[in-house]
PDB file of all heavy atoms in Angstrom:
ATOM      1  N   GLU A   1      93.855 175.346  72.951  1.00  0.00           N
ATOM      2  CA  GLU A   1      94.739 176.488  73.219  1.00  0.00           C
ATOM      3  C   GLU A   1      94.074 177.806  72.786  1.00  0.00           C
ATOM      4  O   GLU A   1      94.142 178.818  73.484  1.00  0.00           O
ATOM      5  CB  GLU A   1      96.070 176.311  72.486  1.00  0.00           C
ATOM      6  CG  GLU A   1      96.937 175.187  73.033  1.00  0.00           C
ATOM      7  CD  GLU A   1      97.541 175.501  74.398  1.00  0.00           C
ATOM      8  OE1 GLU A   1      97.754 176.695  74.685  1.00  0.00           O
ATOM      9  OE2 GLU A   1      97.756 174.564  75.175  1.00  0.00           O
ATOM     10  N   ARG A   2      93.440 177.788  71.636  1.00  0.00           N
ATOM     11  CA  ARG A   2      92.756 178.993  71.140  1.00  0.00           C
ATOM     12  C   ARG A   2      91.618 179.396  72.086  1.00  0.00           C
ATOM     13  O   ARG A   2      91.483 180.559  72.473  1.00  0.00           O
ATOM     14  CB  ARG A   2      92.212 178.740  69.731  1.00  0.00           C
ATOM     15  CG  ARG A   2      91.300 179.834  69.190  1.00  0.00           C
ATOM     16  CD  ARG A   2      92.071 181.035  68.703  1.00  0.00           C
ATOM     17  NE  ARG A   2      91.218 182.162  68.358  1.00  0.00           N
ATOM     18  CZ  ARG A   2      91.520 183.067  67.441  1.00  0.00           C
ATOM     19  NH1 ARG A   2      92.647 182.975  66.764  1.00  0.00           N
ATOM     20  NH2 ARG A   2      90.715 184.073  67.216  1.00  0.00           N
ATOM     21  N   MET A   3      90.816 178.417  72.455  1.00  0.00           N
ATOM     22  CA  MET A   3      89.682 178.693  73.353  1.00  0.00           C
ATOM     23  C   MET A   3      90.176 179.162  74.724  1.00  0.00           C
ATOM     24  O   MET A   3      89.597 180.057  75.335  1.00  0.00           O
ATOM     25  CB  MET A   3      88.824 177.438  73.494  1.00  0.00           C
ATOM     26  CG  MET A   3      88.193 176.964  72.189  1.00  0.00           C
ATOM     27  SD  MET A   3      86.697 177.846  71.772  1.00  0.00           S
ATOM     28  CE  MET A   3      85.528 177.003  72.833  1.00  0.00           C
ATOM     29  N   SER A   4      91.265 178.566  75.210  1.00  0.00           N
ATOM     30  CA  SER A   4      91.817 178.955  76.513  1.00  0.00           C
ATOM     31  C   SER A   4      92.271 180.403  76.502  1.00  0.00           C
ATOM     32  O   SER A   4      92.049 181.152  77.469  1.00  0.00           O
ATOM     33  CB  SER A   4      93.013 178.060  76.875  1.00  0.00           C
ATOM     34  OG  SER A   4      92.609 176.744  77.094  1.00  0.00           O
ATOM     35  N   SER A   5      92.909 180.806  75.398  1.00  0.00           N
ATOM     36  CA  SER A   5      93.436 182.171  75.325  1.00  0.00           C
ATOM     37  C   SER A   5      92.308 183.204  75.277  1.00  0.00           C
ATOM     38  O   SER A   5      92.466 184.337  75.731  1.00  0.00           O
ATOM     39  CB  SER A   5      94.342 182.327  74.104  1.00  0.00           C
ATOM     40  OG  SER A   5      93.587 182.262  72.905  1.00  0.00           O
ATOM     41  N   VAL A   6      91.152 182.814  74.739  1.00  0.00           N
ATOM     42  CA  VAL A   6      90.013 183.742  74.626  1.00  0.00           C
ATOM     43  C   VAL A   6      89.189 183.754  75.910  1.00  0.00           C
ATOM     44  O   VAL A   6      88.819 184.811  76.424  1.00  0.00           O
ATOM     45  CB  VAL A   6      89.129 183.372  73.416  1.00  0.00           C
ATOM     46  CG1 VAL A   6      87.858 184.198  73.404  1.00  0.00           C
ATOM     47  CG2 VAL A   6      89.904 183.542  72.114  1.00  0.00           C
ATOM     48  N   TYR A   7      88.895 182.545  76.450  1.00  0.00           N
ATOM     49  CA  TYR A   7      88.020 182.447  77.616  1.00  0.00           C
ATOM     50  C   TYR A   7      88.784 182.522  78.938  1.00  0.00           C
ATOM     51  O   TYR A   7      88.174 182.551  80.009  1.00  0.00           O
ATOM     52  CB  TYR A   7      87.210 181.145  77.549  1.00  0.00           C
ATOM     53  CG  TYR A   7      86.130 181.162  76.487  1.00  0.00           C
ATOM     54  CD1 TYR A   7      86.160 180.267  75.416  1.00  0.00           C
ATOM     55  CD2 TYR A   7      85.073 182.065  76.554  1.00  0.00           C
ATOM     56  CE1 TYR A   7      85.166 180.279  74.439  1.00  0.00           C
ATOM     57  CE2 TYR A   7      84.082 182.089  75.588  1.00  0.00           C
ATOM     58  CZ  TYR A   7      84.133 181.188  74.528  1.00  0.00           C
ATOM     59  OH  TYR A   7      83.153 181.211  73.567  1.00  0.00           O
ATOM     60  N   HIS A   8      90.144 182.532  78.853  1.00  0.00           N
ATOM     61  CA  HIS A   8      91.005 182.655  80.047  1.00  0.00           C
ATOM     62  C   HIS A   8      90.721 181.563  81.074  1.00  0.00           C
ATOM     63  O   HIS A   8      90.641 181.823  82.275  1.00  0.00           O
ATOM     64  CB  HIS A   8      90.868 184.051  80.689  1.00  0.00           C
ATOM     65  CG  HIS A   8      91.082 185.158  79.703  1.00  0.00           C
ATOM     66  ND1 HIS A   8      92.285 185.373  79.057  1.00  0.00           N
ATOM     67  CD2 HIS A   8      90.222 186.095  79.213  1.00  0.00           C
ATOM     68  CE1 HIS A   8      92.175 186.393  78.231  1.00  0.00           C
ATOM     69  NE2 HIS A   8      90.924 186.855  78.301  1.00  0.00           N
ATOM     70  N   ILE A   9      90.542 180.347  80.583  1.00  0.00           N
ATOM     71  CA  ILE A   9      90.441 179.187  81.480  1.00  0.00           C
ATOM     72  C   ILE A   9      91.315 178.076  80.903  1.00  0.00           C
ATOM     73  O   ILE A   9      91.503 177.976  79.698  1.00  0.00           O
ATOM     74  CB  ILE A   9      88.988 178.687  81.660  1.00  0.00           C
ATOM     75  CG1 ILE A   9      88.296 178.484  80.302  1.00  0.00           C
ATOM     76  CG2 ILE A   9      88.181 179.611  82.541  1.00  0.00           C
ATOM     77  CD1 ILE A   9      86.915 177.877  80.408  1.00  0.00           C
ATOM     78  N   ASN A  10      91.862 177.267  81.807  1.00  0.00           N
ATOM     79  CA  ASN A  10      92.782 176.215  81.361  1.00  0.00           C
ATOM     80  C   ASN A  10      92.096 174.883  81.116  1.00  0.00           C
ATOM     81  O   ASN A  10      92.559 174.078  80.319  1.00  0.00           O
ATOM     82  CB  ASN A  10      93.905 176.026  82.395  1.00  0.00           C
ATOM     83  CG  ASN A  10      94.795 177.245  82.457  1.00  0.00           C
ATOM     84  OD1 ASN A  10      95.073 177.864  81.436  1.00  0.00           O
ATOM     85  ND2 ASN A  10      95.213 177.617  83.672  1.00  0.00           N
ATOM     86  N   ARG A  11      91.005 174.652  81.834  1.00  0.00           N
ATOM     87  CA  ARG A  11      90.309 173.372  81.666  1.00  0.00           C
ATOM     88  C   ARG A  11      88.875 173.631  81.206  1.00  0.00           C
ATOM     89  O   ARG A  11      88.185 174.483  81.762  1.00  0.00           O
ATOM     90  CB  ARG A  11      90.287 172.570  82.977  1.00  0.00           C
ATOM     91  CG  ARG A  11      91.647 172.003  83.355  1.00  0.00           C
ATOM     92  CD  ARG A  11      91.538 171.155  84.614  1.00  0.00           C
ATOM     93  NE  ARG A  11      90.706 169.971  84.401  1.00  0.00           N
ATOM     94  CZ  ARG A  11      91.164 168.849  83.855  1.00  0.00           C
ATOM     95  NH1 ARG A  11      92.413 168.760  83.451  1.00  0.00           N
ATOM     96  NH2 ARG A  11      90.370 167.804  83.716  1.00  0.00           N
ATOM     97  N   PHE A  12      88.454 172.875  80.215  1.00  0.00           N
ATOM     98  CA  PHE A  12      87.083 173.008  79.714  1.00  0.00           C
ATOM     99  C   PHE A  12      86.263 171.806  80.184  1.00  0.00           C
ATOM    100  O   PHE A  12      86.694 170.658  80.029  1.00  0.00           O
ATOM    101  CB  PHE A  12      87.078 173.064  78.177  1.00  0.00           C
ATOM    102  CG  PHE A  12      87.612 174.365  77.639  1.00  0.00           C
ATOM    103  CD1 PHE A  12      88.955 174.506  77.343  1.00  0.00           C
ATOM    104  CD2 PHE A  12      86.771 175.452  77.447  1.00  0.00           C
ATOM    105  CE1 PHE A  12      89.461 175.697  76.864  1.00  0.00           C
ATOM    106  CE2 PHE A  12      87.267 176.665  76.976  1.00  0.00           C
ATOM    107  CZ  PHE A  12      88.612 176.783  76.684  1.00  0.00           C
ATOM    108  N   ALA A  13      85.094 172.078  80.735  1.00  0.00           N
ATOM    109  CA  ALA A  13      84.240 170.976  81.213  1.00  0.00           C
ATOM    110  C   ALA A  13      83.737 170.125  80.053  1.00  0.00           C
ATOM    111  O   ALA A  13      83.549 168.922  80.185  1.00  0.00           O
ATOM    112  CB  ALA A  13      83.066 171.543  82.007  1.00  0.00           C
ATOM    113  N   GLU A  14      83.535 170.770  78.911  1.00  0.00           N
ATOM    114  CA  GLU A  14      83.003 170.086  77.719  1.00  0.00           C
ATOM    115  C   GLU A  14      81.748 169.266  78.051  1.00  0.00           C
ATOM    116  O   GLU A  14      81.602 168.110  77.655  1.00  0.00           O
ATOM    117  CB  GLU A  14      84.076 169.194  77.065  1.00  0.00           C
ATOM    118  CG  GLU A  14      85.234 169.994  76.478  1.00  0.00           C
ATOM    119  CD  GLU A  14      86.056 169.221  75.464  1.00  0.00           C
ATOM    120  OE1 GLU A  14      85.449 168.541  74.623  1.00  0.00           O
ATOM    121  OE2 GLU A  14      87.292 169.298  75.525  1.00  0.00           O
ATOM    122  N   ASP A  15      80.837 169.886  78.776  1.00  0.00           N
ATOM    123  CA  ASP A  15      79.598 169.195  79.154  1.00  0.00           C
ATOM    124  C   ASP A  15      78.380 169.805  78.450  1.00  0.00           C
ATOM    125  O   ASP A  15      77.246 169.585  78.838  1.00  0.00           O
ATOM    126  CB  ASP A  15      79.411 169.227  80.673  1.00  0.00           C
ATOM    127  CG  ASP A  15      79.462 170.647  81.250  1.00  0.00           C
ATOM    128  OD1 ASP A  15      79.595 171.620  80.457  1.00  0.00           O
ATOM    129  OD2 ASP A  15      79.376 170.794  82.484  1.00  0.00           O
ATOM    130  N   GLY A  16      78.639 170.587  77.387  1.00  0.00           N
ATOM    131  CA  GLY A  16      77.542 171.210  76.638  1.00  0.00           C
ATOM    132  C   GLY A  16      77.202 170.432  75.379  1.00  0.00           C
ATOM    133  O   GLY A  16      77.360 169.209  75.325  1.00  0.00           O
ATOM    134  N   ASP A  17      76.751 171.152  74.371  1.00  0.00           N
ATOM    135  CA  ASP A  17      76.323 170.512  73.131  1.00  0.00           C
ATOM    136  C   ASP A  17      77.516 170.024  72.316  1.00  0.00           C
ATOM    137  O   ASP A  17      78.637 170.507  72.460  1.00  0.00           O
ATOM    138  CB  ASP A  17      75.496 171.502  72.301  1.00  0.00           C
ATOM    139  CG  ASP A  17      74.199 171.875  73.010  1.00  0.00           C
ATOM    140  OD1 ASP A  17      73.571 170.966  73.576  1.00  0.00           O
ATOM    141  OD2 ASP A  17      73.840 173.066  73.014  1.00  0.00           O
ATOM    142  N   GLU A  18      77.244 169.055  71.437  1.00  0.00           N
ATOM    143  CA  GLU A  18      78.305 168.414  70.666  1.00  0.00           C
ATOM    144  C   GLU A  18      78.646 169.208  69.411  1.00  0.00           C
ATOM    145  O   GLU A  18      77.752 169.663  68.689  1.00  0.00           O
ATOM    146  CB  GLU A  18      77.877 166.996  70.257  1.00  0.00           C
ATOM    147  CG  GLU A  18      77.676 166.067  71.439  1.00  0.00           C
ATOM    148  CD  GLU A  18      77.298 164.657  71.000  1.00  0.00           C
ATOM    149  OE1 GLU A  18      77.051 164.441  69.790  1.00  0.00           O
ATOM    150  OE2 GLU A  18      77.268 163.760  71.867  1.00  0.00           O
ATOM    151  N   TYR A  19      79.942 169.317  69.146  1.00  0.00           N
ATOM    152  CA  TYR A  19      80.455 169.966  67.938  1.00  0.00           C
ATOM    153  C   TYR A  19      81.523 169.046  67.321  1.00  0.00           C
ATOM    154  O   TYR A  19      82.710 169.233  67.569  1.00  0.00           O
ATOM    155  CB  TYR A  19      81.060 171.335  68.270  1.00  0.00           C
ATOM    156  CG  TYR A  19      80.048 172.378  68.681  1.00  0.00           C
ATOM    157  CD1 TYR A  19      79.514 172.399  69.967  1.00  0.00           C
ATOM    158  CD2 TYR A  19      79.616 173.346  67.776  1.00  0.00           C
ATOM    159  CE1 TYR A  19      78.584 173.358  70.350  1.00  0.00           C
ATOM    160  CE2 TYR A  19      78.677 174.315  68.148  1.00  0.00           C
ATOM    161  CZ  TYR A  19      78.168 174.303  69.429  1.00  0.00           C
ATOM    162  OH  TYR A  19      77.238 175.251  69.799  1.00  0.00           O
ATOM    163  N   PRO A  20      81.115 168.043  66.543  1.00  0.00           N
ATOM    164  CA  PRO A  20      82.095 167.123  65.966  1.00  0.00           C
ATOM    165  C   PRO A  20      82.902 167.819  64.860  1.00  0.00           C
ATOM    166  O   PRO A  20      82.337 168.492  63.999  1.00  0.00           O
ATOM    167  CB  PRO A  20      81.253 165.983  65.386  1.00  0.00           C
ATOM    168  CG  PRO A  20      79.829 166.299  65.706  1.00  0.00           C
ATOM    169  CD  PRO A  20      79.743 167.706  66.188  1.00  0.00           C
ATOM    170  N   VAL A  21      84.214 167.626  64.891  1.00  0.00           N
ATOM    171  CA  VAL A  21      85.129 168.266  63.942  1.00  0.00           C
ATOM    172  C   VAL A  21      85.627 167.217  62.949  1.00  0.00           C
ATOM    173  O   VAL A  21      85.894 166.071  63.328  1.00  0.00           O
ATOM    174  CB  VAL A  21      86.337 168.874  64.695  1.00  0.00           C
ATOM    175  CG1 VAL A  21      87.302 169.560  63.730  1.00  0.00           C
ATOM    176  CG2 VAL A  21      85.864 169.845  65.769  1.00  0.00           C
ATOM    177  N   ARG A  22      85.747 167.618  61.681  1.00  0.00           N
ATOM    178  CA  ARG A  22      86.334 166.739  60.659  1.00  0.00           C
ATOM    179  C   ARG A  22      87.452 167.476  59.945  1.00  0.00           C
ATOM    180  O   ARG A  22      87.341 168.671  59.683  1.00  0.00           O
ATOM    181  CB  ARG A  22      85.265 166.283  59.656  1.00  0.00           C
ATOM    182  CG  ARG A  22      84.300 165.277  60.268  1.00  0.00           C
ATOM    183  CD  ARG A  22      83.320 164.717  59.261  1.00  0.00           C
ATOM    184  NE  ARG A  22      82.564 163.657  59.884  1.00  0.00           N
ATOM    185  CZ  ARG A  22      82.421 162.419  59.401  1.00  0.00           C
ATOM    186  NH1 ARG A  22      82.999 162.094  58.261  1.00  0.00           N
ATOM    187  NH2 ARG A  22      81.724 161.516  60.032  1.00  0.00           N
ATOM    188  N   VAL A  23      88.515 166.736  59.636  1.00  0.00           N
ATOM    189  CA  VAL A  23      89.690 167.311  58.984  1.00  0.00           C
ATOM    190  C   VAL A  23      89.948 166.558  57.681  1.00  0.00           C
ATOM    191  O   VAL A  23      89.977 165.326  57.669  1.00  0.00           O
ATOM    192  CB  VAL A  23      90.938 167.202  59.892  1.00  0.00           C
ATOM    193  CG1 VAL A  23      92.151 167.838  59.217  1.00  0.00           C
ATOM    194  CG2 VAL A  23      90.683 167.833  61.253  1.00  0.00           C
ATOM    195  N   PHE A  24      90.101 167.307  56.576  1.00  0.00           N
ATOM    196  CA  PHE A  24      90.477 166.738  55.279  1.00  0.00           C
ATOM    197  C   PHE A  24      91.799 167.377  54.861  1.00  0.00           C
ATOM    198  O   PHE A  24      91.914 168.599  54.897  1.00  0.00           O
ATOM    199  CB  PHE A  24      89.444 167.067  54.188  1.00  0.00           C
ATOM    200  CG  PHE A  24      88.017 166.787  54.560  1.00  0.00           C
ATOM    201  CD1 PHE A  24      87.232 167.747  55.178  1.00  0.00           C
ATOM    202  CD2 PHE A  24      87.446 165.553  54.270  1.00  0.00           C
ATOM    203  CE1 PHE A  24      85.909 167.497  55.508  1.00  0.00           C
ATOM    204  CE2 PHE A  24      86.131 165.297  54.594  1.00  0.00           C
ATOM    205  CZ  PHE A  24      85.361 166.262  55.223  1.00  0.00           C
ATOM    206  N   ILE A  25      92.778 166.560  54.479  1.00  0.00           N
ATOM    207  CA  ILE A  25      94.036 167.113  53.952  1.00  0.00           C
ATOM    208  C   ILE A  25      94.255 166.536  52.555  1.00  0.00           C
ATOM    209  O   ILE A  25      94.337 165.328  52.386  1.00  0.00           O
ATOM    210  CB  ILE A  25      95.243 166.795  54.855  1.00  0.00           C
ATOM    211  CG1 ILE A  25      94.961 167.202  56.307  1.00  0.00           C
ATOM    212  CG2 ILE A  25      96.498 167.521  54.338  1.00  0.00           C
ATOM    213  CD1 ILE A  25      96.093 166.934  57.279  1.00  0.00           C
ATOM    214  N   MET A  26      94.277 167.421  51.567  1.00  0.00           N
ATOM    215  CA  MET A  26      94.446 167.009  50.177  1.00  0.00           C
ATOM    216  C   MET A  26      95.578 167.830  49.560  1.00  0.00           C
ATOM    217  O   MET A  26      95.495 169.057  49.542  1.00  0.00           O
ATOM    218  CB  MET A  26      93.130 167.233  49.414  1.00  0.00           C
ATOM    219  CG  MET A  26      93.211 166.910  47.938  1.00  0.00           C
ATOM    220  SD  MET A  26      93.488 165.156  47.668  1.00  0.00           S
ATOM    221  CE  MET A  26      92.853 164.962  46.024  1.00  0.00           C
ATOM    222  N   LYS A  27      96.630 167.157  49.110  1.00  0.00           N
ATOM    223  CA  LYS A  27      97.799 167.838  48.532  1.00  0.00           C
ATOM    224  C   LYS A  27      98.299 168.949  49.456  1.00  0.00           C
ATOM    225  O   LYS A  27      98.569 170.073  49.015  1.00  0.00           O
ATOM    226  CB  LYS A  27      97.469 168.409  47.147  1.00  0.00           C
ATOM    227  CG  LYS A  27      97.145 167.346  46.101  1.00  0.00           C
ATOM    228  CD  LYS A  27      96.898 167.994  44.758  1.00  0.00           C
ATOM    229  CE  LYS A  27      96.478 166.960  43.723  1.00  0.00           C
ATOM    230  NZ  LYS A  27      96.071 167.569  42.447  1.00  0.00           N
ATOM    231  N   ASP A  28      98.382 168.629  50.761  1.00  0.00           N
ATOM    232  CA  ASP A  28      98.907 169.516  51.808  1.00  0.00           C
ATOM    233  C   ASP A  28      97.998 170.706  52.119  1.00  0.00           C
ATOM    234  O   ASP A  28      98.384 171.601  52.872  1.00  0.00           O
ATOM    235  CB  ASP A  28     100.322 170.015  51.460  1.00  0.00           C
ATOM    236  CG  ASP A  28     101.304 168.866  51.296  1.00  0.00           C
ATOM    237  OD1 ASP A  28     101.253 167.919  52.106  1.00  0.00           O
ATOM    238  OD2 ASP A  28     102.105 168.900  50.340  1.00  0.00           O
ATOM    239  N   ILE A  29      96.797 170.754  51.552  1.00  0.00           N
ATOM    240  CA  ILE A  29      95.819 171.791  51.915  1.00  0.00           C
ATOM    241  C   ILE A  29      94.869 171.192  52.954  1.00  0.00           C
ATOM    242  O   ILE A  29      94.202 170.192  52.700  1.00  0.00           O
ATOM    243  CB  ILE A  29      95.017 172.292  50.693  1.00  0.00           C
ATOM    244  CG1 ILE A  29      95.950 172.891  49.644  1.00  0.00           C
ATOM    245  CG2 ILE A  29      93.960 173.309  51.127  1.00  0.00           C
ATOM    246  CD1 ILE A  29      96.715 174.114  50.095  1.00  0.00           C
ATOM    247  N   VAL A  30      94.850 171.828  54.129  1.00  0.00           N
ATOM    248  CA  VAL A  30      94.034 171.350  55.248  1.00  0.00           C
ATOM    249  C   VAL A  30      92.694 172.089  55.241  1.00  0.00           C
ATOM    250  O   VAL A  30      92.663 173.318  55.197  1.00  0.00           O
ATOM    251  CB  VAL A  30      94.745 171.610  56.591  1.00  0.00           C
ATOM    252  CG1 VAL A  30      93.898 171.100  57.760  1.00  0.00           C
ATOM    253  CG2 VAL A  30      96.132 170.984  56.607  1.00  0.00           C
ATOM    254  N   THR A  31      91.603 171.324  55.267  1.00  0.00           N
ATOM    255  CA  THR A  31      90.263 171.903  55.415  1.00  0.00           C
ATOM    256  C   THR A  31      89.680 171.374  56.715  1.00  0.00           C
ATOM    257  O   THR A  31      89.649 170.159  56.936  1.00  0.00           O
ATOM    258  CB  THR A  31      89.356 171.512  54.239  1.00  0.00           C
ATOM    259  OG1 THR A  31      89.995 171.868  53.007  1.00  0.00           O
ATOM    260  CG2 THR A  31      88.011 172.209  54.327  1.00  0.00           C
TER     261      THR A  31
END
């Protein structure tokens, strides 16, 4: 949603380089 609002496109091809995301939640603090 964030990327769509900036790049003004609804569908992303996602055919470029890899950007793996990791999420840690500790005592309700999200990193």
